[in-house]
């Protein structure tokens, strides 16, 4: 039987969850600050990275599933990236109803530039930690991320 948490006593799991949320917000703000000069949003950067991981240009539905968003969200992201010349829609060679998304040279250049910005943002956040602390944090975060995926199935 677990001990009830009194209203005035600290809830360790609640405190930890709040710290993780605050860190997530801080990471997002840092990331956004590094991306703004390039003229891209964090969501667009995530889409570019996702497209780059495919060997063949992915379908919009593949991107939506991989990003865990609704297809309409992918359409909006692709529209913005296409207008900026970073991706292009291409017909599927075997099914004319299917549209695939491929990176352009400008998209690949943007990814290279943004990877450096992402590293700089991470370095800002992780600066207070030693190499050993970073390794421990990486292991803990992997356990949370990987463990959460198993429980979701």
N, C-alpha and C. Protein backbone atom coordinates (compact mmCIF):
# COMPACT_ATOMS: atom_id res chain seq x y z
N UNK A 1 0.85 -1.18 0.00
CA UNK A 1 0.00 0.00 0.00
C UNK A 1 0.89 1.23 0.00
N UNK A 2 0.63 2.16 -0.88
CA UNK A 2 1.45 3.36 -0.96
C UNK A 2 1.01 4.39 0.06
N UNK A 3 1.95 5.22 0.43
CA UNK A 3 1.68 6.28 1.39
C UNK A 3 1.01 7.42 0.66
N UNK A 4 -0.12 7.93 1.19
CA UNK A 4 -0.78 9.05 0.51
C UNK A 4 0.08 10.30 0.55
N UNK A 5 0.03 11.07 -0.50
CA UNK A 5 0.77 12.33 -0.58
C UNK A 5 -0.08 13.42 0.05
N UNK A 6 0.48 14.08 1.03
CA UNK A 6 -0.24 15.17 1.69
C UNK A 6 -0.24 16.39 0.79
N UNK A 7 -1.27 17.21 0.87
CA UNK A 7 -1.36 18.38 -0.01
C UNK A 7 -0.15 19.32 0.08
N UNK A 8 0.47 19.42 1.24
CA UNK A 8 1.59 20.35 1.40
C UNK A 8 2.95 19.70 1.17
N UNK A 9 2.99 18.37 0.99
CA UNK A 9 4.27 17.71 0.80
C UNK A 9 4.64 17.71 -0.68
N UNK A 10 5.93 17.81 -0.97
CA UNK A 10 6.33 17.82 -2.38
C UNK A 10 6.09 16.45 -3.02
N UNK A 11 5.67 16.47 -4.25
CA UNK A 11 5.46 15.26 -5.03
C UNK A 11 6.68 15.10 -5.94
N UNK A 12 7.61 14.19 -5.60
CA UNK A 12 8.85 14.08 -6.38
C UNK A 12 8.61 13.85 -7.87
N UNK A 13 7.66 12.99 -8.21
CA UNK A 13 7.40 12.74 -9.63
C UNK A 13 6.81 13.97 -10.30
N UNK A 14 5.95 14.68 -9.59
CA UNK A 14 5.38 15.91 -10.13
C UNK A 14 6.44 16.97 -10.35
N UNK A 15 7.37 17.08 -9.39
CA UNK A 15 8.47 18.05 -9.52
C UNK A 15 9.33 17.68 -10.72
N UNK A 16 9.65 16.40 -10.85
CA UNK A 16 10.46 15.94 -11.98
C UNK A 16 9.76 16.20 -13.30
N UNK A 17 8.47 15.92 -13.37
CA UNK A 17 7.72 16.17 -14.59
C UNK A 17 7.73 17.65 -14.94
N UNK A 18 7.59 18.51 -13.94
CA UNK A 18 7.62 19.96 -14.17
C UNK A 18 9.00 20.39 -14.67
N UNK A 19 10.05 19.82 -14.10
CA UNK A 19 11.41 20.15 -14.56
C UNK A 19 11.61 19.73 -16.02
N UNK A 20 11.11 18.57 -16.38
CA UNK A 20 11.22 18.12 -17.77
C UNK A 20 10.46 19.05 -18.71
N UNK A 21 9.28 19.47 -18.30
CA UNK A 21 8.51 20.40 -19.12
C UNK A 21 9.23 21.73 -19.28
N UNK A 22 9.80 22.23 -18.19
CA UNK A 22 10.53 23.50 -18.26
C UNK A 22 11.75 23.37 -19.16
N UNK A 23 12.45 22.23 -19.07
CA UNK A 23 13.61 22.00 -19.93
C UNK A 23 13.19 21.92 -21.39
N UNK A 24 12.08 21.25 -21.65
CA UNK A 24 11.57 21.16 -23.03
C UNK A 24 11.28 22.54 -23.59
N UNK A 25 10.62 23.37 -22.80
CA UNK A 25 10.31 24.74 -23.26
C UNK A 25 11.59 25.52 -23.51
N UNK A 26 12.56 25.36 -22.61
CA UNK A 26 13.83 26.08 -22.76
C UNK A 26 14.56 25.61 -24.03
N UNK A 27 14.58 24.30 -24.27
CA UNK A 27 15.19 23.77 -25.49
C UNK A 27 14.50 24.34 -26.73
N UNK A 28 13.18 24.38 -26.68
CA UNK A 28 12.42 24.90 -27.82
C UNK A 28 12.76 26.37 -28.08
N UNK A 29 12.84 27.16 -27.02
CA UNK A 29 13.19 28.58 -27.19
C UNK A 29 14.60 28.74 -27.77
N UNK A 30 15.57 27.99 -27.26
CA UNK A 30 16.94 28.06 -27.78
C UNK A 30 16.99 27.64 -29.24
N UNK A 31 16.33 26.54 -29.51
CA UNK A 31 16.31 26.01 -30.87
C UNK A 31 15.72 27.04 -31.83
N UNK A 32 14.59 27.60 -31.42
CA UNK A 32 13.91 28.59 -32.26
C UNK A 32 14.80 29.80 -32.52
N UNK A 33 15.53 30.23 -31.51
CA UNK A 33 16.42 31.39 -31.66
C UNK A 33 17.52 31.11 -32.69
N UNK A 34 18.02 29.89 -32.72
CA UNK A 34 19.05 29.55 -33.70
C UNK A 34 18.48 29.34 -35.10
N UNK A 35 17.20 28.98 -35.19
CA UNK A 35 16.59 28.72 -36.49
C UNK A 35 16.08 29.99 -37.17
N UNK A 36 15.68 30.97 -36.38
CA UNK A 36 15.08 32.19 -36.94
C UNK A 36 15.94 32.87 -38.01
N UNK A 37 17.26 33.00 -37.81
CA UNK A 37 18.06 33.67 -38.85
C UNK A 37 18.02 32.95 -40.20
N UNK A 38 17.74 31.65 -40.17
CA UNK A 38 17.69 30.86 -41.41
C UNK A 38 16.29 30.97 -42.03
N UNK A 39 15.33 31.45 -41.26
CA UNK A 39 13.98 31.60 -41.78
C UNK A 39 13.20 30.30 -41.80
N UNK A 40 13.36 29.49 -40.78
CA UNK A 40 12.69 28.20 -40.73
C UNK A 40 12.18 27.96 -39.31
N UNK A 41 11.07 27.26 -39.20
CA UNK A 41 10.51 26.95 -37.89
C UNK A 41 11.05 25.60 -37.40
N UNK A 42 10.96 25.35 -36.10
CA UNK A 42 11.38 24.03 -35.60
C UNK A 42 10.61 22.88 -36.27
N UNK A 43 9.33 23.06 -36.53
CA UNK A 43 8.54 22.01 -37.18
C UNK A 43 9.03 21.77 -38.62
N UNK A 44 9.37 22.85 -39.33
CA UNK A 44 9.89 22.68 -40.69
C UNK A 44 11.25 21.98 -40.67
N UNK A 45 12.08 22.32 -39.69
CA UNK A 45 13.38 21.67 -39.56
C UNK A 45 13.18 20.17 -39.30
N UNK A 46 12.24 19.85 -38.45
CA UNK A 46 11.96 18.44 -38.15
C UNK A 46 11.50 17.71 -39.41
N UNK A 47 10.68 18.35 -40.21
CA UNK A 47 10.22 17.74 -41.45
C UNK A 47 11.40 17.53 -42.41
N UNK A 48 12.25 18.53 -42.55
CA UNK A 48 13.42 18.38 -43.42
C UNK A 48 14.29 17.21 -42.98
N UNK A 49 14.54 17.11 -41.67
CA UNK A 49 15.35 16.01 -41.15
C UNK A 49 14.68 14.67 -41.44
N UNK A 50 13.37 14.63 -41.31
CA UNK A 50 12.64 13.39 -41.55
C UNK A 50 12.72 12.99 -43.02
N UNK A 51 12.52 13.93 -43.92
CA UNK A 51 12.62 13.63 -45.35
C UNK A 51 14.02 13.11 -45.67
N UNK A 52 15.03 13.71 -45.06
CA UNK A 52 16.42 13.32 -45.34
C UNK A 52 16.73 11.89 -44.89
N UNK A 53 15.97 11.36 -43.93
CA UNK A 53 16.24 10.01 -43.43
C UNK A 53 15.74 8.91 -44.37
N UNK A 54 14.88 9.25 -45.30
CA UNK A 54 14.35 8.26 -46.23
C UNK A 54 15.32 8.06 -47.39
N UNK A 55 15.45 6.81 -47.85
CA UNK A 55 16.28 6.55 -49.02
C UNK A 55 15.62 7.05 -50.30
N UNK A 56 14.30 6.90 -50.38
CA UNK A 56 13.51 7.38 -51.51
C UNK A 56 12.60 8.49 -51.00
N UNK A 57 12.22 9.42 -51.85
CA UNK A 57 11.30 10.47 -51.38
C UNK A 57 10.03 9.87 -50.77
N UNK A 58 9.70 10.27 -49.54
CA UNK A 58 8.53 9.69 -48.87
C UNK A 58 7.22 10.30 -49.37
N UNK A 59 6.15 9.56 -49.13
CA UNK A 59 4.80 10.07 -49.38
C UNK A 59 4.43 10.99 -48.23
N UNK A 60 3.47 11.88 -48.46
CA UNK A 60 3.00 12.78 -47.39
C UNK A 60 2.47 11.95 -46.22
N UNK A 61 1.75 10.85 -46.51
CA UNK A 61 1.20 10.00 -45.46
C UNK A 61 2.31 9.38 -44.62
N UNK A 62 3.43 9.00 -45.26
CA UNK A 62 4.57 8.45 -44.53
C UNK A 62 5.13 9.48 -43.55
N UNK A 63 5.23 10.71 -44.02
CA UNK A 63 5.75 11.79 -43.18
C UNK A 63 4.82 12.05 -42.00
N UNK A 64 3.53 12.08 -42.25
CA UNK A 64 2.56 12.31 -41.17
C UNK A 64 2.68 11.22 -40.11
N UNK A 65 2.78 9.97 -40.57
CA UNK A 65 2.90 8.86 -39.61
C UNK A 65 4.20 8.95 -38.83
N UNK A 66 5.29 9.22 -39.51
CA UNK A 66 6.60 9.29 -38.84
C UNK A 66 6.66 10.44 -37.85
N UNK A 67 6.06 11.57 -38.21
CA UNK A 67 6.07 12.75 -37.33
C UNK A 67 4.95 12.70 -36.28
N UNK A 68 4.06 11.73 -36.42
CA UNK A 68 2.92 11.58 -35.51
C UNK A 68 2.05 12.83 -35.49
N UNK A 69 1.71 13.29 -36.70
CA UNK A 69 0.83 14.45 -36.88
C UNK A 69 -0.22 14.10 -37.92
N UNK A 70 -1.24 14.93 -38.02
CA UNK A 70 -2.27 14.72 -39.03
C UNK A 70 -1.71 15.12 -40.40
N UNK A 71 -2.18 14.49 -41.46
CA UNK A 71 -1.68 14.80 -42.80
C UNK A 71 -1.77 16.29 -43.16
N UNK A 72 -2.80 16.98 -42.70
CA UNK A 72 -2.94 18.40 -43.01
C UNK A 72 -1.76 19.21 -42.46
N UNK A 73 -1.23 18.81 -41.31
CA UNK A 73 -0.07 19.51 -40.75
C UNK A 73 1.14 19.36 -41.67
N UNK A 74 1.31 18.17 -42.23
CA UNK A 74 2.42 17.94 -43.16
C UNK A 74 2.24 18.79 -44.41
N UNK A 75 1.01 18.87 -44.90
CA UNK A 75 0.73 19.68 -46.09
C UNK A 75 1.15 21.12 -45.86
N UNK A 76 0.80 21.68 -44.71
CA UNK A 76 1.17 23.07 -44.40
C UNK A 76 2.67 23.25 -44.32
N UNK A 77 3.35 22.30 -43.68
CA UNK A 77 4.82 22.39 -43.58
C UNK A 77 5.46 22.29 -44.96
N UNK A 78 4.99 21.35 -45.76
CA UNK A 78 5.53 21.18 -47.11
C UNK A 78 5.27 22.44 -47.95
N UNK A 79 4.08 23.02 -47.82
CA UNK A 79 3.78 24.24 -48.57
C UNK A 79 4.82 25.32 -48.27
N UNK A 80 5.11 25.53 -47.00
CA UNK A 80 6.10 26.55 -46.62
C UNK A 80 7.49 26.24 -47.11
N UNK A 81 7.89 24.98 -46.97
CA UNK A 81 9.23 24.58 -47.42
C UNK A 81 9.35 24.60 -48.94
N UNK A 82 8.27 24.26 -49.62
CA UNK A 82 8.28 24.29 -51.09
C UNK A 82 8.37 25.74 -51.57
N UNK A 83 7.63 26.63 -50.93
CA UNK A 83 7.67 28.05 -51.32
C UNK A 83 9.07 28.63 -51.14
N UNK A 84 9.80 28.10 -50.16
CA UNK A 84 11.17 28.56 -49.91
C UNK A 84 12.19 27.81 -50.76
N UNK A 85 11.72 26.85 -51.57
CA UNK A 85 12.63 26.11 -52.45
C UNK A 85 13.42 25.02 -51.76
N UNK A 86 12.98 24.58 -50.58
CA UNK A 86 13.74 23.58 -49.82
C UNK A 86 13.29 22.14 -50.07
N UNK A 87 12.05 21.97 -50.52
CA UNK A 87 11.55 20.66 -50.93
C UNK A 87 10.74 20.85 -52.21
N UNK A 88 10.46 19.73 -52.86
CA UNK A 88 9.56 19.79 -54.01
C UNK A 88 8.69 18.54 -54.00
N UNK A 89 7.49 18.72 -54.52
CA UNK A 89 6.57 17.59 -54.69
C UNK A 89 6.90 16.92 -56.02
N UNK A 90 7.00 15.60 -55.99
CA UNK A 90 7.28 14.85 -57.21
C UNK A 90 6.28 13.71 -57.34
N UNK A 91 5.90 13.38 -58.56
CA UNK A 91 4.94 12.28 -58.73
C UNK A 91 5.60 10.94 -58.42
N UNK A 92 4.80 10.04 -57.89
CA UNK A 92 5.27 8.67 -57.66
C UNK A 92 5.38 7.99 -59.02
N UNK A 93 6.49 7.31 -59.29
CA UNK A 93 6.65 6.70 -60.62
C UNK A 93 5.69 5.54 -60.90
N UNK A 94 5.12 4.95 -59.84
CA UNK A 94 4.24 3.79 -60.06
C UNK A 94 2.77 4.07 -59.77
N UNK A 95 2.47 5.21 -59.16
CA UNK A 95 1.07 5.52 -58.83
C UNK A 95 0.86 7.02 -58.98
N UNK A 96 0.21 7.41 -60.05
CA UNK A 96 0.09 8.84 -60.35
C UNK A 96 -0.73 9.61 -59.32
N UNK A 97 -1.49 8.91 -58.47
CA UNK A 97 -2.27 9.59 -57.43
C UNK A 97 -1.41 9.96 -56.22
N UNK A 98 -0.24 9.39 -56.12
CA UNK A 98 0.63 9.59 -54.97
C UNK A 98 1.65 10.69 -55.25
N UNK A 99 1.82 11.57 -54.28
CA UNK A 99 2.82 12.63 -54.37
C UNK A 99 3.91 12.34 -53.34
N UNK A 100 5.13 12.47 -53.75
CA UNK A 100 6.26 12.25 -52.85
C UNK A 100 6.97 13.59 -52.63
N UNK A 101 7.72 13.66 -51.55
CA UNK A 101 8.42 14.89 -51.19
C UNK A 101 9.92 14.63 -51.21
N UNK A 102 10.63 15.45 -51.96
CA UNK A 102 12.08 15.28 -51.99
C UNK A 102 12.77 16.59 -51.64
N UNK A 103 13.96 16.44 -51.06
CA UNK A 103 14.77 17.61 -50.73
C UNK A 103 15.36 18.20 -52.00
N UNK A 104 15.46 19.49 -52.03
CA UNK A 104 16.18 20.17 -53.11
C UNK A 104 17.61 20.42 -52.63
N UNK A 105 18.44 20.92 -53.51
CA UNK A 105 19.80 21.29 -53.09
C UNK A 105 19.73 22.34 -51.98
N UNK A 106 18.81 23.28 -52.11
CA UNK A 106 18.65 24.31 -51.07
C UNK A 106 18.22 23.68 -49.75
N UNK A 107 17.39 22.66 -49.82
CA UNK A 107 16.98 21.95 -48.60
C UNK A 107 18.13 21.25 -47.94
N UNK A 108 18.99 20.61 -48.74
CA UNK A 108 20.18 19.94 -48.18
C UNK A 108 21.14 20.97 -47.58
N UNK A 109 21.30 22.10 -48.25
CA UNK A 109 22.15 23.18 -47.70
C UNK A 109 21.60 23.69 -46.37
N UNK A 110 20.28 23.85 -46.33
CA UNK A 110 19.63 24.31 -45.10
C UNK A 110 19.86 23.32 -43.97
N UNK A 111 19.74 22.04 -44.27
CA UNK A 111 19.97 21.01 -43.25
C UNK A 111 21.39 21.09 -42.69
N UNK A 112 22.36 21.25 -43.57
CA UNK A 112 23.75 21.35 -43.11
C UNK A 112 23.91 22.55 -42.17
N UNK A 113 23.35 23.67 -42.59
CA UNK A 113 23.45 24.89 -41.79
C UNK A 113 22.73 24.72 -40.45
N UNK A 114 21.59 24.10 -40.46
CA UNK A 114 20.80 23.96 -39.25
C UNK A 114 21.35 22.92 -38.29
N UNK A 115 22.05 21.94 -38.80
CA UNK A 115 22.67 20.96 -37.90
C UNK A 115 23.67 21.66 -37.00
N UNK A 116 24.40 22.60 -37.54
CA UNK A 116 25.33 23.38 -36.72
C UNK A 116 24.57 24.22 -35.70
N UNK A 117 23.47 24.82 -36.11
CA UNK A 117 22.67 25.62 -35.20
C UNK A 117 22.09 24.74 -34.09
N UNK A 118 21.67 23.55 -34.44
CA UNK A 118 21.12 22.62 -33.45
C UNK A 118 22.18 22.23 -32.43
N UNK A 119 23.40 21.96 -32.91
CA UNK A 119 24.49 21.61 -32.00
C UNK A 119 24.79 22.77 -31.06
N UNK A 120 24.78 23.99 -31.60
CA UNK A 120 25.05 25.17 -30.76
C UNK A 120 23.97 25.35 -29.70
N UNK A 121 22.71 25.14 -30.07
CA UNK A 121 21.61 25.26 -29.11
C UNK A 121 21.75 24.20 -28.02
N UNK A 122 22.08 22.98 -28.41
CA UNK A 122 22.26 21.91 -27.43
C UNK A 122 23.43 22.21 -26.51
N UNK A 123 24.50 22.73 -27.08
CA UNK A 123 25.67 23.07 -26.26
C UNK A 123 25.32 24.14 -25.23
N UNK A 124 24.54 25.12 -25.62
CA UNK A 124 24.10 26.15 -24.67
C UNK A 124 23.36 25.52 -23.49
N UNK A 125 22.45 24.63 -23.80
CA UNK A 125 21.64 24.00 -22.76
C UNK A 125 22.48 23.07 -21.88
N UNK A 126 23.36 22.31 -22.50
CA UNK A 126 24.13 21.29 -21.78
C UNK A 126 25.42 21.81 -21.16
N UNK A 127 25.75 23.08 -21.38
CA UNK A 127 27.01 23.65 -20.90
C UNK A 127 27.28 23.41 -19.42
N UNK A 128 26.28 23.48 -18.54
CA UNK A 128 26.58 23.26 -17.12
C UNK A 128 26.97 21.83 -16.76
N UNK A 129 26.75 20.88 -17.66
CA UNK A 129 27.02 19.47 -17.37
C UNK A 129 28.40 19.04 -17.82
N UNK A 130 29.00 18.13 -17.04
CA UNK A 130 30.27 17.52 -17.44
C UNK A 130 29.98 16.46 -18.50
N UNK A 131 31.01 15.95 -19.13
CA UNK A 131 30.85 14.89 -20.12
C UNK A 131 30.18 13.67 -19.48
N UNK A 132 30.61 13.34 -18.27
CA UNK A 132 30.02 12.19 -17.58
C UNK A 132 28.54 12.43 -17.29
N UNK A 133 28.19 13.60 -16.85
CA UNK A 133 26.79 13.91 -16.57
C UNK A 133 25.95 13.85 -17.84
N UNK A 134 26.52 14.30 -18.96
CA UNK A 134 25.80 14.23 -20.24
C UNK A 134 25.54 12.78 -20.63
N UNK A 135 26.53 11.91 -20.39
CA UNK A 135 26.35 10.49 -20.71
C UNK A 135 25.26 9.87 -19.85
N UNK A 136 25.25 10.20 -18.57
CA UNK A 136 24.21 9.69 -17.67
C UNK A 136 22.84 10.20 -18.11
N UNK A 137 22.76 11.50 -18.39
CA UNK A 137 21.49 12.09 -18.84
C UNK A 137 21.02 11.42 -20.13
N UNK A 138 21.93 11.20 -21.06
CA UNK A 138 21.57 10.52 -22.31
C UNK A 138 21.00 9.14 -22.05
N UNK A 139 21.61 8.40 -21.14
CA UNK A 139 21.11 7.07 -20.79
C UNK A 139 19.73 7.12 -20.15
N UNK A 140 19.53 8.08 -19.25
CA UNK A 140 18.24 8.23 -18.59
C UNK A 140 17.15 8.62 -19.58
N UNK A 141 17.46 9.57 -20.46
CA UNK A 141 16.48 9.99 -21.45
C UNK A 141 16.15 8.86 -22.42
N UNK A 142 17.16 8.08 -22.80
CA UNK A 142 16.91 6.93 -23.68
C UNK A 142 15.98 5.93 -22.99
N UNK A 143 16.19 5.70 -21.71
CA UNK A 143 15.32 4.77 -20.97
C UNK A 143 13.88 5.28 -20.95
N UNK A 144 13.72 6.58 -20.77
CA UNK A 144 12.37 7.15 -20.76
C UNK A 144 11.74 7.09 -22.14
N UNK A 145 12.47 7.47 -23.17
CA UNK A 145 11.93 7.49 -24.52
C UNK A 145 11.66 6.06 -25.01
N UNK A 146 12.64 5.18 -24.87
CA UNK A 146 12.49 3.81 -25.35
C UNK A 146 11.48 3.03 -24.52
N UNK A 147 11.47 3.25 -23.22
CA UNK A 147 10.52 2.57 -22.34
C UNK A 147 9.10 3.01 -22.61
N UNK A 148 8.92 4.30 -22.93
CA UNK A 148 7.60 4.82 -23.24
C UNK A 148 7.04 4.22 -24.51
N UNK A 149 7.92 3.99 -25.48
CA UNK A 149 7.48 3.41 -26.76
C UNK A 149 6.99 1.98 -26.55
N UNK A 150 7.66 1.22 -25.68
CA UNK A 150 7.25 -0.17 -25.44
C UNK A 150 5.91 -0.21 -24.74
N UNK A 151 5.70 0.69 -23.80
CA UNK A 151 4.44 0.70 -23.04
C UNK A 151 3.27 1.11 -23.93
N UNK A 152 3.56 1.96 -24.93
CA UNK A 152 2.49 2.45 -25.80
C UNK A 152 1.95 1.36 -26.72
N UNK A 153 2.74 0.34 -26.99
CA UNK A 153 2.31 -0.74 -27.91
C UNK A 153 1.30 -1.66 -27.27
